[in-house]
Structure formats: structure tokens, C-alpha cells
Amino acid sequence: MKIDGSCHCGVITYEAELDPAAVGICHCADCQALSASAFRTLAIVQSDSFELLTGTPKHFVKVGDSGNPRVQAFCPDCGSGLYSCGVEDKPTAYNLRAGTIRQRAELAPRFECWTRSRLQWVTEIAGARQFEGNPNA
């Protein structure tokens, strides 16, 4: 599926090809803190299908619950989170922030990861695959 998106102010825009099965929710403590919410909805796209069209994101590197350093990219103007990826020069994939995708209403989460950190009052999504840590898919 072809998708496109932008930060809240529109300075940064992108497009990508997305498999709708690669949309999920992350319950890790980092996603809770970085999103200022109970979880983060993400869409995983391969790097060869992701293209920044306008703008240059600012990067913050954080070691995740997995122990891996992760780039957290956001708009330097409005602060919208855009994606996370590995720290290498050419990451294999980008975890796009689903709220920045224009077609987000069509992207129901198919998996939930880091469920061992799920807040008690957040319920499981019926039919979504569940992973206590990183997805093994």
C-alpha cells in the first residue's frame, strides 16, 4: 500500500510502501514516555521503500528496552515524532509514527509488542498478535 505523511506543521513530508500487516502498537516504557501516552502506534516500512520528500528531521539516540540504540526522529519545528530506526547509515527499516500517516484510518494494528509493559488499564486488541518483547516476525 502506498502511503504518505507529514509532521503536524507540514515541514517534513515522506512517502513509502507499507504492508498493512506491519502496523502495530508498542507498549514499551520508552514508547510510553516518548509519545506522552500509554503506547505508540507504529508502521514498519523497509528502508528501500521510504523516502523523505521535504525537510530534515532532528535525531535523538536512545537505548531502548531491547538494549539496542535507536534513532528517534522528529520535526525540529513542531516536535512531531516521525519514526525510529537503527543508528547505522542505511537502516534496514523505519518504524513510522502512524499518527503522521495520512491514510492512518485504514491501518488497524495487527500486532502488539512489549506487552509485558502494557499499562493495566489498556486492553488487548482482539485479533492482534501479542509479543511480550520485540516481534519475532
C-alpha atoms as a PDB file:
ATOM      1  CA  MET A   1       0.000   0.000   0.000  1.00  0.00           C
ATOM      2  CA  LYS A   2       1.343   3.413  -0.955  1.00  0.00           C
ATOM      3  CA  ILE A   3       1.277   5.853   1.985  1.00  0.00           C
ATOM      4  CA  ASP A   4       2.340   9.422   2.566  1.00  0.00           C
ATOM      5  CA  GLY A   5       2.587  11.555   5.626  1.00  0.00           C
ATOM      6  CA  SER A   6       3.949  14.614   7.347  1.00  0.00           C
ATOM      7  CA  CYS A   7       4.696  16.207  10.664  1.00  0.00           C
ATOM      8  CA  HIS A   8       1.972  18.386  12.199  1.00  0.00           C
ATOM      9  CA  CYS A   9       3.272  21.635  10.680  1.00  0.00           C
ATOM     10  CA  GLY A  10       3.990  20.091   7.252  1.00  0.00           C
ATOM     11  CA  VAL A  11       7.699  20.978   7.107  1.00  0.00           C
ATOM     12  CA  ILE A  12       8.671  17.303   6.837  1.00  0.00           C
ATOM     13  CA  THR A  13       6.884  15.065   4.340  1.00  0.00           C
ATOM     14  CA  TYR A  14       7.507  11.486   3.271  1.00  0.00           C
ATOM     15  CA  GLU A  15       6.118   8.580   1.294  1.00  0.00           C
ATOM     16  CA  ALA A  16       6.585   4.825   1.492  1.00  0.00           C
ATOM     17  CA  GLU A  17       5.218   1.411   0.599  1.00  0.00           C
ATOM     18  CA  LEU A  18       3.627  -0.325   3.573  1.00  0.00           C
ATOM     19  CA  ASP A  19       2.356  -3.829   4.234  1.00  0.00           C
ATOM     20  CA  PRO A  20      -0.749  -3.233   6.427  1.00  0.00           C
ATOM     21  CA  ALA A  21       0.217  -6.362   8.427  1.00  0.00           C
ATOM     22  CA  ALA A  22       3.255  -4.385   9.662  1.00  0.00           C
ATOM     23  CA  VAL A  23       1.143  -1.952  11.710  1.00  0.00           C
ATOM     24  CA  GLY A  24       1.161  -2.439  15.448  1.00  0.00           C
ATOM     25  CA  ILE A  25       1.236  -0.993  18.915  1.00  0.00           C
ATOM     26  CA  CYS A  26       4.316  -0.815  21.135  1.00  0.00           C
ATOM     27  CA  HIS A  27       3.765  -0.796  24.889  1.00  0.00           C
ATOM     28  CA  CYS A  28       7.427  -0.399  25.936  1.00  0.00           C
ATOM     29  CA  ALA A  29       8.265   2.180  28.595  1.00  0.00           C
ATOM     30  CA  ASP A  30      10.272   4.227  26.071  1.00  0.00           C
ATOM     31  CA  CYS A  31       7.320   4.496  23.668  1.00  0.00           C
ATOM     32  CA  GLN A  32       5.065   5.477  26.553  1.00  0.00           C
ATOM     33  CA  ALA A  33       7.449   8.256  27.632  1.00  0.00           C
ATOM     34  CA  LEU A  34       8.426   9.467  24.146  1.00  0.00           C
ATOM     35  CA  SER A  35       4.818   9.581  22.931  1.00  0.00           C
ATOM     36  CA  ALA A  36       3.477  11.033  26.213  1.00  0.00           C
ATOM     37  CA  SER A  37       0.796   8.361  26.019  1.00  0.00           C
ATOM     38  CA  ALA A  38       0.009   4.785  27.071  1.00  0.00           C
ATOM     39  CA  PHE A  39       1.519   3.289  23.894  1.00  0.00           C
ATOM     40  CA  ARG A  40       2.690   4.205  20.400  1.00  0.00           C
ATOM     41  CA  THR A  41       1.145   3.050  17.125  1.00  0.00           C
ATOM     42  CA  LEU A  42       3.785   2.268  14.520  1.00  0.00           C
ATOM     43  CA  ALA A  43       4.029   1.161  10.912  1.00  0.00           C
ATOM     44  CA  ILE A  44       7.174  -0.701   9.882  1.00  0.00           C
ATOM     45  CA  VAL A  45       8.447   0.042   6.370  1.00  0.00           C
ATOM     46  CA  GLN A  46      11.581  -1.195   4.652  1.00  0.00           C
ATOM     47  CA  SER A  47      14.206   1.477   4.061  1.00  0.00           C
ATOM     48  CA  ASP A  48      14.256   0.987   0.283  1.00  0.00           C
ATOM     49  CA  SER A  49      10.573   1.989   0.150  1.00  0.00           C
ATOM     50  CA  PHE A  50      10.834   5.041   2.439  1.00  0.00           C
ATOM     51  CA  GLU A  51      11.615   8.478   1.018  1.00  0.00           C
ATOM     52  CA  LEU A  52      11.822  11.814   2.792  1.00  0.00           C
ATOM     53  CA  LEU A  53      10.366  14.375   0.394  1.00  0.00           C
ATOM     54  CA  THR A  54      10.854  17.626   2.304  1.00  0.00           C
ATOM     55  CA  GLY A  55      12.593  18.779   5.449  1.00  0.00           C
ATOM     56  CA  THR A  56      15.297  17.332   7.672  1.00  0.00           C
ATOM     57  CA  PRO A  57      14.293  15.593  10.903  1.00  0.00           C
ATOM     58  CA  LYS A  58      16.204  16.138  14.116  1.00  0.00           C
ATOM     59  CA  HIS A  59      17.577  12.942  15.690  1.00  0.00           C
ATOM     60  CA  PHE A  60      17.820  11.784  19.294  1.00  0.00           C
ATOM     61  CA  VAL A  61      19.519   8.440  20.034  1.00  0.00           C
ATOM     62  CA  LYS A  62      18.043   6.401  22.869  1.00  0.00           C
ATOM     63  CA  VAL A  63      18.952   2.893  24.042  1.00  0.00           C
ATOM     64  CA  GLY A  64      15.642   1.028  24.009  1.00  0.00           C
ATOM     65  CA  ASP A  65      14.219  -1.596  26.344  1.00  0.00           C
ATOM     66  CA  SER A  66      15.698  -4.121  23.893  1.00  0.00           C
ATOM     67  CA  GLY A  67      19.205  -2.823  24.666  1.00  0.00           C
ATOM     68  CA  ASN A  68      19.640  -1.527  21.110  1.00  0.00           C
ATOM     69  CA  PRO A  69      20.396   2.137  20.340  1.00  0.00           C
ATOM     70  CA  ARG A  70      17.561   3.655  18.300  1.00  0.00           C
ATOM     71  CA  VAL A  71      17.303   6.927  16.427  1.00  0.00           C
ATOM     72  CA  GLN A  72      14.158   8.846  17.361  1.00  0.00           C
ATOM     73  CA  ALA A  73      13.399  11.307  14.538  1.00  0.00           C
ATOM     74  CA  PHE A  74      11.147  14.312  14.974  1.00  0.00           C
ATOM     75  CA  CYS A  75      10.343  17.644  13.357  1.00  0.00           C
ATOM     76  CA  PRO A  76      12.655  20.389  14.666  1.00  0.00           C
ATOM     77  CA  ASP A  77       9.847  22.962  14.212  1.00  0.00           C
ATOM     78  CA  CYS A  78       6.669  21.379  15.633  1.00  0.00           C
ATOM     79  CA  GLY A  79       8.187  18.438  17.539  1.00  0.00           C
ATOM     80  CA  SER A  80       6.055  15.732  15.902  1.00  0.00           C
ATOM     81  CA  GLY A  81       7.599  12.281  16.222  1.00  0.00           C
ATOM     82  CA  LEU A  82       8.176  10.817  12.751  1.00  0.00           C
ATOM     83  CA  TYR A  83       9.986   7.489  13.035  1.00  0.00           C
ATOM     84  CA  SER A  84      12.580   5.409  14.794  1.00  0.00           C
ATOM     85  CA  CYS A  85      15.307   3.350  13.163  1.00  0.00           C
ATOM     86  CA  GLY A  86      18.690   1.809  13.799  1.00  0.00           C
ATOM     87  CA  VAL A  87      21.723   4.039  14.144  1.00  0.00           C
ATOM     88  CA  GLU A  88      23.504   2.687  11.053  1.00  0.00           C
ATOM     89  CA  ASP A  89      23.920   4.912   7.963  1.00  0.00           C
ATOM     90  CA  LYS A  90      21.379   2.867   5.981  1.00  0.00           C
ATOM     91  CA  PRO A  91      18.846   1.317   8.406  1.00  0.00           C
ATOM     92  CA  THR A  92      17.004  -1.771   7.171  1.00  0.00           C
ATOM     93  CA  ALA A  93      13.619  -0.445   8.293  1.00  0.00           C
ATOM     94  CA  TYR A  94      11.825   2.576   9.725  1.00  0.00           C
ATOM     95  CA  ASN A  95       9.136   2.438  12.400  1.00  0.00           C
ATOM     96  CA  LEU A  96       6.910   5.267  11.228  1.00  0.00           C
ATOM     97  CA  ARG A  97       4.686   7.013  13.763  1.00  0.00           C
ATOM     98  CA  ALA A  98       1.248   6.015  12.479  1.00  0.00           C
ATOM     99  CA  GLY A  99      -0.331   9.317  13.530  1.00  0.00           C
ATOM    100  CA  THR A 100       1.747  11.079  10.859  1.00  0.00           C
ATOM    101  CA  ILE A 101       0.444   8.836   8.052  1.00  0.00           C
ATOM    102  CA  ARG A 102      -2.353  10.445   6.027  1.00  0.00           C
ATOM    103  CA  GLN A 103      -4.023   7.045   5.491  1.00  0.00           C
ATOM    104  CA  ARG A 104      -3.921   6.172   9.232  1.00  0.00           C
ATOM    105  CA  ALA A 105      -7.671   5.485   9.433  1.00  0.00           C
ATOM    106  CA  GLU A 106      -7.133   2.478   7.136  1.00  0.00           C
ATOM    107  CA  LEU A 107      -4.332   0.991   9.273  1.00  0.00           C
ATOM    108  CA  ALA A 108      -5.710  -1.128  12.113  1.00  0.00           C
ATOM    109  CA  PRO A 109      -2.972  -2.576  14.368  1.00  0.00           C
ATOM    110  CA  ARG A 110      -2.264  -6.240  13.629  1.00  0.00           C
ATOM    111  CA  PHE A 111       0.192  -6.839  16.486  1.00  0.00           C
ATOM    112  CA  GLU A 112       1.102  -5.553  19.933  1.00  0.00           C
ATOM    113  CA  CYS A 113       4.671  -5.739  21.242  1.00  0.00           C
ATOM    114  CA  TRP A 114       6.309  -5.242  24.620  1.00  0.00           C
ATOM    115  CA  THR A 115       3.017  -6.321  26.197  1.00  0.00           C
ATOM    116  CA  ARG A 116       4.813  -7.075  29.467  1.00  0.00           C
ATOM    117  CA  SER A 117       4.971  -3.260  29.857  1.00  0.00           C
ATOM    118  CA  ARG A 118       1.317  -2.700  28.883  1.00  0.00           C
ATOM    119  CA  LEU A 119      -0.447  -0.468  31.413  1.00  0.00           C
ATOM    120  CA  GLN A 120      -3.037  -2.417  33.409  1.00  0.00           C
ATOM    121  CA  TRP A 121      -5.954  -0.332  32.191  1.00  0.00           C
ATOM    122  CA  VAL A 122      -5.116  -0.803  28.475  1.00  0.00           C
ATOM    123  CA  THR A 123      -6.967  -3.748  26.943  1.00  0.00           C
ATOM    124  CA  GLU A 124      -5.658  -6.155  24.332  1.00  0.00           C
ATOM    125  CA  ILE A 125      -6.786  -5.548  20.747  1.00  0.00           C
ATOM    126  CA  ALA A 126      -8.913  -8.514  19.671  1.00  0.00           C
ATOM    127  CA  GLY A 127      -7.236 -10.491  16.904  1.00  0.00           C
ATOM    128  CA  ALA A 128      -3.864  -8.714  17.161  1.00  0.00           C
ATOM    129  CA  ARG A 129      -0.798 -10.926  17.635  1.00  0.00           C
ATOM    130  CA  GLN A 130       0.759 -10.460  21.072  1.00  0.00           C
ATOM    131  CA  PHE A 131       4.516 -10.301  21.831  1.00  0.00           C
ATOM    132  CA  GLU A 132       5.999  -9.867  25.312  1.00  0.00           C
ATOM    133  CA  GLY A 133       9.065  -8.202  23.772  1.00  0.00           C
ATOM    134  CA  ASN A 134      10.130  -7.479  20.195  1.00  0.00           C
ATOM    135  CA  PRO A 135       8.016  -9.183  17.499  1.00  0.00           C
ATOM    136  CA  ASN A 136       9.700 -12.284  16.084  1.00  0.00           C
ATOM    137  CA  ALA A 137       8.020 -11.816  12.724  1.00  0.00           C
END
